[in-house]
Amino acid sequence: KYLDRPSDSVYDFLQYLTAEVEDVEWNVSAEGNRFVEL
């Protein structure tokens, strides 16, 4: 279920989050897509 597009500050945080969770939390990723459980 896609959510509304986030604001700029949330978007910046999500970009940060995608880098932070790499191989830290359970995640499956492919080019341009990431599933992460937090």
Full PDB file with SEQRES, HELIX, SHEET, SSBOND, CRYST1, ORIGX, SCALE, CONECT and MASTER records, all heavy atoms in Angstrom:
SEQRES   1 A   38  LYS TYR LEU ASP ARG PRO SER ASP SER VAL TYR ASP PHE          
SEQRES   2 A   38  LEU GLN TYR LEU THR ALA GLU VAL GLU ASP VAL GLU TRP          
SEQRES   3 A   38  ASN VAL SER ALA GLU GLY ASN ARG PHE VAL GLU LEU              
HELIX    1 AA1 ASP A    8  GLU A   20  1                                  13    
SHEET    1 AA1 2 ASN A  27  ALA A  30  0                                        
SHEET    2 AA1 2 ASN A  33  VAL A  36 -1                                        
CRYST1    1.000    1.000    1.000  90.00  90.00  90.00 P 1           1          
ORIGX1      1.000000  0.000000  0.000000        0.00000                         
ORIGX2      0.000000  1.000000  0.000000        0.00000                         
ORIGX3      0.000000  0.000000  1.000000        0.00000                         
SCALE1      1.000000  0.000000  0.000000        0.00000                         
SCALE2      0.000000  1.000000  0.000000        0.00000                         
SCALE3      0.000000  0.000000  1.000000        0.00000                         
ATOM      1  N   LYS A   1       0.881  -1.168   0.000  1.00  0.00           N  
ATOM      2  CA  LYS A   1       0.000   0.000   0.000  1.00  0.00           C  
ATOM      3  C   LYS A   1       0.918   1.216   0.000  1.00  0.00           C  
ATOM      4  O   LYS A   1       1.600   1.490   0.990  1.00  0.00           O  
ATOM      5  CB  LYS A   1      -0.888   0.023   1.238  1.00  0.00           C  
ATOM      6  CG  LYS A   1      -1.748   1.270   1.317  1.00  0.00           C  
ATOM      7  CD  LYS A   1      -2.474   1.374   2.639  1.00  0.00           C  
ATOM      8  CE  LYS A   1      -3.139   2.734   2.702  1.00  0.00           C  
ATOM      9  NZ  LYS A   1      -3.196   3.237   4.043  1.00  0.00           N  
ATOM     10  N   TYR A   2       0.973   1.921  -1.119  1.00  0.00           N  
ATOM     11  CA  TYR A   2       1.848   3.081  -1.201  1.00  0.00           C  
ATOM     12  C   TYR A   2       1.286   4.238  -0.399  1.00  0.00           C  
ATOM     13  O   TYR A   2       0.085   4.496  -0.410  1.00  0.00           O  
ATOM     14  CB  TYR A   2       2.082   3.490  -2.656  1.00  0.00           C  
ATOM     15  CG  TYR A   2       2.997   2.524  -3.361  1.00  0.00           C  
ATOM     16  CD1 TYR A   2       2.489   1.547  -4.199  1.00  0.00           C  
ATOM     17  CD2 TYR A   2       4.370   2.558  -3.134  1.00  0.00           C  
ATOM     18  CE1 TYR A   2       3.332   0.634  -4.822  1.00  0.00           C  
ATOM     19  CE2 TYR A   2       5.211   1.652  -3.754  1.00  0.00           C  
ATOM     20  CZ  TYR A   2       4.685   0.698  -4.602  1.00  0.00           C  
ATOM     21  OH  TYR A   2       5.516  -0.199  -5.207  1.00  0.00           O  
ATOM     22  N   LEU A   3       2.155   4.912   0.308  1.00  0.00           N  
ATOM     23  CA  LEU A   3       1.798   6.065   1.121  1.00  0.00           C  
ATOM     24  C   LEU A   3       1.939   7.332   0.287  1.00  0.00           C  
ATOM     25  O   LEU A   3       2.552   7.320  -0.777  1.00  0.00           O  
ATOM     26  CB  LEU A   3       2.719   6.140   2.341  1.00  0.00           C  
ATOM     27  CG  LEU A   3       2.794   4.873   3.202  1.00  0.00           C  
ATOM     28  CD1 LEU A   3       3.872   5.018   4.259  1.00  0.00           C  
ATOM     29  CD2 LEU A   3       1.441   4.593   3.835  1.00  0.00           C  
ATOM     30  N   ASP A   4       1.399   8.427   0.788  1.00  0.00           N  
ATOM     31  CA  ASP A   4       1.597   9.714   0.125  1.00  0.00           C  
ATOM     32  C   ASP A   4       3.092  10.025   0.070  1.00  0.00           C  
ATOM     33  O   ASP A   4       3.852   9.617   0.959  1.00  0.00           O  
ATOM     34  CB  ASP A   4       0.876  10.830   0.883  1.00  0.00           C  
ATOM     35  CG  ASP A   4      -0.644  10.680   0.829  1.00  0.00           C  
ATOM     36  OD1 ASP A   4      -1.139  10.042  -0.117  1.00  0.00           O  
ATOM     37  OD2 ASP A   4      -1.304  11.206   1.740  1.00  0.00           O  
ATOM     38  N   ARG A   5       3.491  10.737  -0.950  1.00  0.00           N  
ATOM     39  CA  ARG A   5       4.904  11.123  -1.070  1.00  0.00           C  
ATOM     40  C   ARG A   5       5.304  11.937   0.158  1.00  0.00           C  
ATOM     41  O   ARG A   5       4.568  12.817   0.590  1.00  0.00           O  
ATOM     42  CB  ARG A   5       5.130  11.949  -2.330  1.00  0.00           C  
ATOM     43  CG  ARG A   5       4.900  11.164  -3.596  1.00  0.00           C  
ATOM     44  CD  ARG A   5       6.207  10.773  -4.181  1.00  0.00           C  
ATOM     45  NE  ARG A   5       5.996   9.786  -5.236  1.00  0.00           N  
ATOM     46  CZ  ARG A   5       6.672   9.773  -6.351  1.00  0.00           C  
ATOM     47  NH1 ARG A   5       7.597  10.679  -6.567  1.00  0.00           N  
ATOM     48  NH2 ARG A   5       6.452   8.840  -7.240  1.00  0.00           N  
ATOM     49  N   PRO A   6       6.477  11.645   0.701  1.00  0.00           N  
ATOM     50  CA  PRO A   6       6.894  12.347   1.922  1.00  0.00           C  
ATOM     51  C   PRO A   6       7.362  13.771   1.634  1.00  0.00           C  
ATOM     52  O   PRO A   6       7.720  14.107   0.507  1.00  0.00           O  
ATOM     53  CB  PRO A   6       8.054  11.495   2.432  1.00  0.00           C  
ATOM     54  CG  PRO A   6       8.595  10.827   1.213  1.00  0.00           C  
ATOM     55  CD  PRO A   6       7.424  10.614   0.296  1.00  0.00           C  
ATOM     56  N   SER A   7       7.376  14.575   2.699  1.00  0.00           N  
ATOM     57  CA  SER A   7       7.911  15.937   2.603  1.00  0.00           C  
ATOM     58  C   SER A   7       9.417  15.871   2.376  1.00  0.00           C  
ATOM     59  O   SER A   7      10.028  14.802   2.486  1.00  0.00           O  
ATOM     60  CB  SER A   7       7.615  16.698   3.895  1.00  0.00           C  
ATOM     61  OG  SER A   7       8.336  16.108   4.971  1.00  0.00           O  
ATOM     62  N   ASP A   8      10.012  17.008   2.076  1.00  0.00           N  
ATOM     63  CA  ASP A   8      11.456  17.043   1.805  1.00  0.00           C  
ATOM     64  C   ASP A   8      12.290  16.524   2.971  1.00  0.00           C  
ATOM     65  O   ASP A   8      13.232  15.777   2.778  1.00  0.00           O  
ATOM     66  CB  ASP A   8      11.904  18.464   1.448  1.00  0.00           C  
ATOM     67  CG  ASP A   8      11.413  18.901   0.071  1.00  0.00           C  
ATOM     68  OD1 ASP A   8      11.030  18.027  -0.730  1.00  0.00           O  
ATOM     69  OD2 ASP A   8      11.408  20.116  -0.178  1.00  0.00           O  
ATOM     70  N   SER A   9      11.932  16.915   4.214  1.00  0.00           N  
ATOM     71  CA  SER A   9      12.721  16.474   5.366  1.00  0.00           C  
ATOM     72  C   SER A   9      12.605  14.960   5.566  1.00  0.00           C  
ATOM     73  O   SER A   9      13.588  14.292   5.886  1.00  0.00           O  
ATOM     74  CB  SER A   9      12.310  17.218   6.636  1.00  0.00           C  
ATOM     75  OG  SER A   9      10.952  16.983   6.927  1.00  0.00           O  
ATOM     76  N   VAL A  10      11.418  14.422   5.361  1.00  0.00           N  
ATOM     77  CA  VAL A  10      11.224  12.971   5.491  1.00  0.00           C  
ATOM     78  C   VAL A  10      11.947  12.259   4.353  1.00  0.00           C  
ATOM     79  O   VAL A  10      12.581  11.221   4.555  1.00  0.00           O  
ATOM     80  CB  VAL A  10       9.720  12.610   5.528  1.00  0.00           C  
ATOM     81  CG1 VAL A  10       9.526  11.107   5.496  1.00  0.00           C  
ATOM     82  CG2 VAL A  10       9.055  13.212   6.754  1.00  0.00           C  
ATOM     83  N   TYR A  11      11.874  12.818   3.158  1.00  0.00           N  
ATOM     84  CA  TYR A  11      12.564  12.234   2.005  1.00  0.00           C  
ATOM     85  C   TYR A  11      14.069  12.157   2.260  1.00  0.00           C  
ATOM     86  O   TYR A  11      14.699  11.132   2.004  1.00  0.00           O  
ATOM     87  CB  TYR A  11      12.274  13.067   0.758  1.00  0.00           C  
ATOM     88  CG  TYR A  11      12.866  12.502  -0.502  1.00  0.00           C  
ATOM     89  CD1 TYR A  11      12.210  11.482  -1.197  1.00  0.00           C  
ATOM     90  CD2 TYR A  11      14.076  12.969  -1.005  1.00  0.00           C  
ATOM     91  CE1 TYR A  11      12.754  10.948  -2.357  1.00  0.00           C  
ATOM     92  CE2 TYR A  11      14.622  12.444  -2.163  1.00  0.00           C  
ATOM     93  CZ  TYR A  11      13.956  11.434  -2.834  1.00  0.00           C  
ATOM     94  OH  TYR A  11      14.492  10.917  -3.969  1.00  0.00           O  
ATOM     95  N   ASP A  12      14.647  13.240   2.790  1.00  0.00           N  
ATOM     96  CA  ASP A  12      16.080  13.238   3.124  1.00  0.00           C  
ATOM     97  C   ASP A  12      16.396  12.156   4.153  1.00  0.00           C  
ATOM     98  O   ASP A  12      17.413  11.459   4.050  1.00  0.00           O  
ATOM     99  CB  ASP A  12      16.515  14.599   3.665  1.00  0.00           C  
ATOM    100  CG  ASP A  12      16.501  15.689   2.610  1.00  0.00           C  
ATOM    101  OD1 ASP A  12      16.480  15.361   1.403  1.00  0.00           O  
ATOM    102  OD2 ASP A  12      16.508  16.868   3.010  1.00  0.00           O  
ATOM    103  N   PHE A  13      15.526  12.015   5.148  1.00  0.00           N  
ATOM    104  CA  PHE A  13      15.722  10.991   6.165  1.00  0.00           C  
ATOM    105  C   PHE A  13      15.651   9.591   5.556  1.00  0.00           C  
ATOM    106  O   PHE A  13      16.458   8.723   5.887  1.00  0.00           O  
ATOM    107  CB  PHE A  13      14.691  11.134   7.289  1.00  0.00           C  
ATOM    108  CG  PHE A  13      14.688   9.969   8.235  1.00  0.00           C  
ATOM    109  CD1 PHE A  13      15.761   9.747   9.085  1.00  0.00           C  
ATOM    110  CD2 PHE A  13      13.629   9.076   8.249  1.00  0.00           C  
ATOM    111  CE1 PHE A  13      15.778   8.656   9.950  1.00  0.00           C  
ATOM    112  CE2 PHE A  13      13.632   7.992   9.103  1.00  0.00           C  
ATOM    113  CZ  PHE A  13      14.708   7.785   9.961  1.00  0.00           C  
ATOM    114  N   LEU A  14      14.704   9.362   4.648  1.00  0.00           N  
ATOM    115  CA  LEU A  14      14.565   8.040   4.029  1.00  0.00           C  
ATOM    116  C   LEU A  14      15.781   7.689   3.177  1.00  0.00           C  
ATOM    117  O   LEU A  14      16.207   6.537   3.143  1.00  0.00           O  
ATOM    118  CB  LEU A  14      13.282   7.965   3.214  1.00  0.00           C  
ATOM    119  CG  LEU A  14      11.997   7.953   4.040  1.00  0.00           C  
ATOM    120  CD1 LEU A  14      10.785   8.073   3.141  1.00  0.00           C  
ATOM    121  CD2 LEU A  14      11.916   6.714   4.909  1.00  0.00           C  
ATOM    122  N   GLN A  15      16.358   8.680   2.515  1.00  0.00           N  
ATOM    123  CA  GLN A  15      17.593   8.426   1.774  1.00  0.00           C  
ATOM    124  C   GLN A  15      18.706   8.029   2.739  1.00  0.00           C  
ATOM    125  O   GLN A  15      19.471   7.107   2.471  1.00  0.00           O  
ATOM    126  CB  GLN A  15      18.000   9.654   0.970  1.00  0.00           C  
ATOM    127  CG  GLN A  15      17.152   9.871  -0.244  1.00  0.00           C  
ATOM    128  CD  GLN A  15      17.654  11.038  -1.067  1.00  0.00           C  
ATOM    129  OE1 GLN A  15      17.931  12.108  -0.544  1.00  0.00           O  
ATOM    130  NE2 GLN A  15      17.773  10.817  -2.361  1.00  0.00           N  
ATOM    131  N   TYR A  16      18.805   8.719   3.851  1.00  0.00           N  
ATOM    132  CA  TYR A  16      19.773   8.390   4.893  1.00  0.00           C  
ATOM    133  C   TYR A  16      19.509   6.981   5.418  1.00  0.00           C  
ATOM    134  O   TYR A  16      20.433   6.178   5.565  1.00  0.00           O  
ATOM    135  CB  TYR A  16      19.661   9.420   6.021  1.00  0.00           C  
ATOM    136  CG  TYR A  16      20.364   9.041   7.287  1.00  0.00           C  
ATOM    137  CD1 TYR A  16      21.726   9.306   7.455  1.00  0.00           C  
ATOM    138  CD2 TYR A  16      19.676   8.441   8.335  1.00  0.00           C  
ATOM    139  CE1 TYR A  16      22.372   8.958   8.629  1.00  0.00           C  
ATOM    140  CE2 TYR A  16      20.321   8.099   9.505  1.00  0.00           C  
ATOM    141  CZ  TYR A  16      21.667   8.356   9.640  1.00  0.00           C  
ATOM    142  OH  TYR A  16      22.299   8.013  10.809  1.00  0.00           O  
ATOM    143  N   LEU A  17      18.239   6.671   5.654  1.00  0.00           N  
ATOM    144  CA  LEU A  17      17.856   5.373   6.204  1.00  0.00           C  
ATOM    145  C   LEU A  17      18.256   4.231   5.270  1.00  0.00           C  
ATOM    146  O   LEU A  17      18.747   3.206   5.724  1.00  0.00           O  
ATOM    147  CB  LEU A  17      16.358   5.340   6.476  1.00  0.00           C  
ATOM    148  CG  LEU A  17      15.806   4.098   7.154  1.00  0.00           C  
ATOM    149  CD1 LEU A  17      16.365   3.969   8.563  1.00  0.00           C  
ATOM    150  CD2 LEU A  17      14.288   4.157   7.190  1.00  0.00           C  
ATOM    151  N   THR A  18      18.063   4.399   3.973  1.00  0.00           N  
ATOM    152  CA  THR A  18      18.401   3.322   3.043  1.00  0.00           C  
ATOM    153  C   THR A  18      19.884   2.999   3.097  1.00  0.00           C  
ATOM    154  O   THR A  18      20.273   1.843   2.979  1.00  0.00           O  
ATOM    155  CB  THR A  18      18.001   3.652   1.588  1.00  0.00           C  
ATOM    156  OG1 THR A  18      18.669   4.829   1.165  1.00  0.00           O  
ATOM    157  CG2 THR A  18      16.515   3.797   1.454  1.00  0.00           C  
ATOM    158  N   ALA A  19      20.716   4.002   3.308  1.00  0.00           N  
ATOM    159  CA  ALA A  19      22.160   3.760   3.421  1.00  0.00           C  
ATOM    160  C   ALA A  19      22.499   3.118   4.764  1.00  0.00           C  
ATOM    161  O   ALA A  19      23.345   2.225   4.847  1.00  0.00           O  
ATOM    162  CB  ALA A  19      22.922   5.065   3.259  1.00  0.00           C  
ATOM    163  N   GLU A  20      21.822   3.546   5.833  1.00  0.00           N  
ATOM    164  CA  GLU A  20      22.110   3.054   7.180  1.00  0.00           C  
ATOM    165  C   GLU A  20      21.723   1.596   7.384  1.00  0.00           C  
ATOM    166  O   GLU A  20      22.379   0.883   8.125  1.00  0.00           O  
ATOM    167  CB  GLU A  20      21.384   3.905   8.229  1.00  0.00           C  
ATOM    168  CG  GLU A  20      22.026   5.233   8.489  1.00  0.00           C  
ATOM    169  CD  GLU A  20      23.446   5.093   8.996  1.00  0.00           C  
ATOM    170  OE1 GLU A  20      23.674   4.452  10.029  1.00  0.00           O  
ATOM    171  OE2 GLU A  20      24.341   5.640   8.333  1.00  0.00           O  
ATOM    172  N   VAL A  21      20.641   1.158   6.771  1.00  0.00           N  
ATOM    173  CA  VAL A  21      20.142  -0.185   7.054  1.00  0.00           C  
ATOM    174  C   VAL A  21      20.744  -1.257   6.168  1.00  0.00           C  
ATOM    175  O   VAL A  21      20.455  -2.427   6.351  1.00  0.00           O  
ATOM    176  CB  VAL A  21      18.599  -0.265   6.964  1.00  0.00           C  
ATOM    177  CG1 VAL A  21      17.963   0.639   7.989  1.00  0.00           C  
ATOM    178  CG2 VAL A  21      18.109   0.029   5.568  1.00  0.00           C  
ATOM    179  N   GLU A  22      21.594  -0.874   5.248  1.00  0.00           N  
ATOM    180  CA  GLU A  22      22.181  -1.873   4.361  1.00  0.00           C  
ATOM    181  C   GLU A  22      22.884  -2.950   5.175  1.00  0.00           C  
ATOM    182  O   GLU A  22      23.817  -2.692   5.915  1.00  0.00           O  
ATOM    183  CB  GLU A  22      23.169  -1.233   3.399  1.00  0.00           C  
ATOM    184  CG  GLU A  22      23.757  -2.230   2.454  1.00  0.00           C  
ATOM    185  CD  GLU A  22      23.989  -1.652   1.076  1.00  0.00           C  
ATOM    186  OE1 GLU A  22      23.708  -0.482   0.859  1.00  0.00           O  
ATOM    187  OE2 GLU A  22      24.453  -2.426   0.254  1.00  0.00           O  
ATOM    188  N   ASP A  23      22.382  -4.160   5.053  1.00  0.00           N  
ATOM    189  CA  ASP A  23      22.918  -5.334   5.738  1.00  0.00           C  
ATOM    190  C   ASP A  23      22.906  -5.233   7.262  1.00  0.00           C  
ATOM    191  O   ASP A  23      23.571  -6.005   7.929  1.00  0.00           O  
ATOM    192  CB  ASP A  23      24.337  -5.647   5.248  1.00  0.00           C  
ATOM    193  CG  ASP A  23      24.362  -5.975   3.771  1.00  0.00           C  
ATOM    194  OD1 ASP A  23      23.375  -6.562   3.287  1.00  0.00           O  
ATOM    195  OD2 ASP A  23      25.350  -5.653   3.110  1.00  0.00           O  
ATOM    196  N   VAL A  24      22.172  -4.268   7.822  1.00  0.00           N  
ATOM    197  CA  VAL A  24      22.059  -4.178   9.276  1.00  0.00           C  
ATOM    198  C   VAL A  24      20.767  -4.843   9.731  1.00  0.00           C  
ATOM    199  O   VAL A  24      20.768  -5.681  10.610  1.00  0.00           O  
ATOM    200  CB  VAL A  24      22.085  -2.698   9.741  1.00  0.00           C  
ATOM    201  CG1 VAL A  24      21.820  -2.605  11.223  1.00  0.00           C  
ATOM    202  CG2 VAL A  24      23.422  -2.076   9.384  1.00  0.00           C  
ATOM    203  N   GLU A  25      19.666  -4.475   9.121  1.00  0.00           N  
ATOM    204  CA  GLU A  25      18.366  -5.062   9.430  1.00  0.00           C  
ATOM    205  C   GLU A  25      18.043  -6.064   8.323  1.00  0.00           C  
ATOM    206  O   GLU A  25      18.671  -6.080   7.279  1.00  0.00           O  
ATOM    207  CB  GLU A  25      17.282  -3.983   9.470  1.00  0.00           C  
ATOM    208  CG  GLU A  25      17.519  -2.907  10.509  1.00  0.00           C  
ATOM    209  CD  GLU A  25      17.352  -3.402  11.926  1.00  0.00           C  
ATOM    210  OE1 GLU A  25      16.637  -4.406  12.144  1.00  0.00           O  
ATOM    211  OE2 GLU A  25      17.941  -2.803  12.821  1.00  0.00           O  
ATOM    212  N   TRP A  26      17.005  -6.856   8.545  1.00  0.00           N  
ATOM    213  CA  TRP A  26      16.571  -7.775   7.497  1.00  0.00           C  
ATOM    214  C   TRP A  26      16.157  -6.936   6.314  1.00  0.00           C  
ATOM    215  O   TRP A  26      15.328  -6.063   6.414  1.00  0.00           O  
ATOM    216  CB  TRP A  26      15.382  -8.583   7.982  1.00  0.00           C  
ATOM    217  CG  TRP A  26      14.920  -9.587   6.988  1.00  0.00           C  
ATOM    218  CD1 TRP A  26      15.313 -10.879   6.920  1.00  0.00           C  
ATOM    219  CD2 TRP A  26      14.001  -9.402   5.921  1.00  0.00           C  
ATOM    220  NE1 TRP A  26      14.696 -11.510   5.876  1.00  0.00           N  
ATOM    221  CE2 TRP A  26      13.882 -10.624   5.239  1.00  0.00           C  
ATOM    222  CE3 TRP A  26      13.274  -8.322   5.454  1.00  0.00           C  
ATOM    223  CZ2 TRP A  26      13.066 -10.799   4.138  1.00  0.00           C  
ATOM    224  CZ3 TRP A  26      12.450  -8.486   4.350  1.00  0.00           C  
ATOM    225  CH2 TRP A  26      12.357  -9.716   3.709  1.00  0.00           C  
ATOM    226  N   ASN A  27      16.769  -7.167   5.180  1.00  0.00           N  
ATOM    227  CA  ASN A  27      16.337  -6.440   3.993  1.00  0.00           C  
ATOM    228  C   ASN A  27      16.638  -7.240   2.747  1.00  0.00           C  
ATOM    229  O   ASN A  27      17.518  -8.083   2.724  1.00  0.00           O  
ATOM    230  CB  ASN A  27      16.971  -5.047   3.927  1.00  0.00           C  
ATOM    231  CG  ASN A  27      18.455  -5.073   3.639  1.00  0.00           C  
ATOM    232  OD1 ASN A  27      18.872  -5.414   2.532  1.00  0.00           O  
ATOM    233  ND2 ASN A  27      19.270  -4.719   4.611  1.00  0.00           N  
ATOM    234  N   VAL A  28      15.864  -6.974   1.745  1.00  0.00           N  
ATOM    235  CA  VAL A  28      16.089  -7.539   0.425  1.00  0.00           C  
ATOM    236  C   VAL A  28      16.143  -6.348  -0.502  1.00  0.00           C  
ATOM    237  O   VAL A  28      15.281  -5.484  -0.455  1.00  0.00           O  
ATOM    238  CB  VAL A  28      14.921  -8.465   0.008  1.00  0.00           C  
ATOM    239  CG1 VAL A  28      15.125  -8.967  -1.406  1.00  0.00           C  
ATOM    240  CG2 VAL A  28      14.796  -9.624   0.980  1.00  0.00           C  
ATOM    241  N   SER A  29      17.165  -6.279  -1.299  1.00  0.00           N  
ATOM    242  CA  SER A  29      17.249  -5.115  -2.156  1.00  0.00           C  
ATOM    243  C   SER A  29      17.667  -5.502  -3.559  1.00  0.00           C  
ATOM    244  O   SER A  29      18.297  -6.517  -3.791  1.00  0.00           O  
ATOM    245  CB  SER A  29      18.215  -4.089  -1.575  1.00  0.00           C  
ATOM    246  OG  SER A  29      19.446  -4.669  -1.261  1.00  0.00           O  
ATOM    247  N   ALA A  30      17.259  -4.678  -4.465  1.00  0.00           N  
ATOM    248  CA  ALA A  30      17.655  -4.779  -5.859  1.00  0.00           C  
ATOM    249  C   ALA A  30      17.784  -3.345  -6.351  1.00  0.00           C  
ATOM    250  O   ALA A  30      17.400  -2.408  -5.648  1.00  0.00           O  
ATOM    251  CB  ALA A  30      16.607  -5.544  -6.653  1.00  0.00           C  
ATOM    252  N   GLU A  31      18.293  -3.182  -7.509  1.00  0.00           N  
ATOM    253  CA  GLU A  31      18.531  -1.838  -8.022  1.00  0.00           C  
ATOM    254  C   GLU A  31      17.264  -0.984  -7.954  1.00  0.00           C  
ATOM    255  O   GLU A  31      16.257  -1.270  -8.580  1.00  0.00           O  
ATOM    256  CB  GLU A  31      19.001  -1.936  -9.468  1.00  0.00           C  
ATOM    257  CG  GLU A  31      19.494  -0.628 -10.012  1.00  0.00           C  
ATOM    258  CD  GLU A  31      20.118  -0.796 -11.376  1.00  0.00           C  
ATOM    259  OE1 GLU A  31      20.902  -1.752 -11.564  1.00  0.00           O  
ATOM    260  OE2 GLU A  31      19.806   0.012 -12.241  1.00  0.00           O  
ATOM    261  N   GLY A  32      17.320   0.065  -7.148  1.00  0.00           N  
ATOM    262  CA  GLY A  32      16.200   0.984  -7.038  1.00  0.00           C  
ATOM    263  C   GLY A  32      15.068   0.544  -6.146  1.00  0.00           C  
ATOM    264  O   GLY A  32      14.062   1.232  -6.043  1.00  0.00           O  
ATOM    265  N   ASN A  33      15.185  -0.595  -5.490  1.00  0.00           N  
ATOM    266  CA  ASN A  33      14.138  -1.089  -4.602  1.00  0.00           C  
ATOM    267  C   ASN A  33      14.755  -1.672  -3.341  1.00  0.00           C  
ATOM    268  O   ASN A  33      15.768  -2.340  -3.398  1.00  0.00           O  
ATOM    269  CB  ASN A  33      13.326  -2.200  -5.280  1.00  0.00           C  
ATOM    270  CG  ASN A  33      12.422  -1.669  -6.338  1.00  0.00           C  
ATOM    271  OD1 ASN A  33      11.387  -1.092  -6.040  1.00  0.00           O  
ATOM    272  ND2 ASN A  33      12.814  -1.844  -7.591  1.00  0.00           N  
ATOM    273  N   ARG A  34      14.104  -1.424  -2.233  1.00  0.00           N  
ATOM    274  CA  ARG A  34      14.565  -2.024  -0.979  1.00  0.00           C  
ATOM    275  C   ARG A  34      13.362  -2.308  -0.096  1.00  0.00           C  
ATOM    276  O   ARG A  34      12.477  -1.486   0.051  1.00  0.00           O  
ATOM    277  CB  ARG A  34      15.509  -1.084  -0.256  1.00  0.00           C  
ATOM    278  CG  ARG A  34      15.826  -1.603   1.140  1.00  0.00           C  
ATOM    279  CD  ARG A  34      17.106  -1.181   1.696  1.00  0.00           C  
ATOM    280  NE  ARG A  34      18.176  -1.625   0.842  1.00  0.00           N  
ATOM    281  CZ  ARG A  34      19.359  -1.057   0.820  1.00  0.00           C  
ATOM    282  NH1 ARG A  34      19.611  -0.048   1.586  1.00  0.00           N  
ATOM    283  NH2 ARG A  34      20.309  -1.503   0.037  1.00  0.00           N  
ATOM    284  N   PHE A  35      13.341  -3.496   0.472  1.00  0.00           N  
ATOM    285  CA  PHE A  35      12.386  -3.855   1.511  1.00  0.00           C  
ATOM    286  C   PHE A  35      13.179  -3.901   2.808  1.00  0.00           C  
ATOM    287  O   PHE A  35      14.240  -4.519   2.859  1.00  0.00           O  
ATOM    288  CB  PHE A  35      11.781  -5.245   1.256  1.00  0.00           C  
ATOM    289  CG  PHE A  35      10.838  -5.284   0.100  1.00  0.00           C  
ATOM    290  CD1 PHE A  35      11.292  -5.593  -1.164  1.00  0.00           C  
ATOM    291  CD2 PHE A  35       9.495  -5.008   0.283  1.00  0.00           C  
ATOM    292  CE1 PHE A  35      10.424  -5.644  -2.230  1.00  0.00           C  
ATOM    293  CE2 PHE A  35       8.611  -5.055  -0.776  1.00  0.00           C  
ATOM    294  CZ  PHE A  35       9.079  -5.372  -2.040  1.00  0.00           C  
ATOM    295  N   VAL A  36      12.674  -3.248   3.820  1.00  0.00           N  
ATOM    296  CA  VAL A  36      13.386  -3.252   5.087  1.00  0.00           C  
ATOM    297  C   VAL A  36      12.377  -3.351   6.230  1.00  0.00           C  
ATOM    298  O   VAL A  36      11.338  -2.700   6.206  1.00  0.00           O  
ATOM    299  CB  VAL A  36      14.304  -2.009   5.230  1.00  0.00           C  
ATOM    300  CG1 VAL A  36      13.511  -0.730   5.178  1.00  0.00           C  
ATOM    301  CG2 VAL A  36      15.135  -2.067   6.480  1.00  0.00           C  
ATOM    302  N   GLU A  37      12.672  -4.199   7.180  1.00  0.00           N  
ATOM    303  CA  GLU A  37      11.835  -4.353   8.360  1.00  0.00           C  
ATOM    304  C   GLU A  37      12.536  -3.668   9.523  1.00  0.00           C  
ATOM    305  O   GLU A  37      13.720  -3.917   9.773  1.00  0.00           O  
ATOM    306  CB  GLU A  37      11.616  -5.826   8.677  1.00  0.00           C  
ATOM    307  CG  GLU A  37      10.672  -6.033   9.848  1.00  0.00           C  
ATOM    308  CD  GLU A  37      10.393  -7.495  10.096  1.00  0.00           C  
ATOM    309  OE1 GLU A  37      11.293  -8.328   9.841  1.00  0.00           O  
ATOM    310  OE2 GLU A  37       9.287  -7.809  10.557  1.00  0.00           O  
ATOM    311  N   LEU A  38      11.813  -2.792  10.200  1.00  0.00           N  
ATOM    312  CA  LEU A  38      12.395  -2.010  11.286  1.00  0.00           C  
ATOM    313  C   LEU A  38      11.497  -2.033  12.516  1.00  0.00           C  
ATOM    314  O   LEU A  38      10.272  -2.097  12.409  1.00  0.00           O  
ATOM    315  CB  LEU A  38      12.584  -0.545  10.857  1.00  0.00           C  
ATOM    316  CG  LEU A  38      13.606  -0.292   9.771  1.00  0.00           C  
ATOM    317  CD1 LEU A  38      13.394   1.076   9.169  1.00  0.00           C  
ATOM    318  CD2 LEU A  38      15.003  -0.434  10.333  1.00  0.00           C  
TER     319      LEU A  38                                                      
MASTER        0    0    0    1    2    0    0    6  318    1    0    3          
END                                                                             
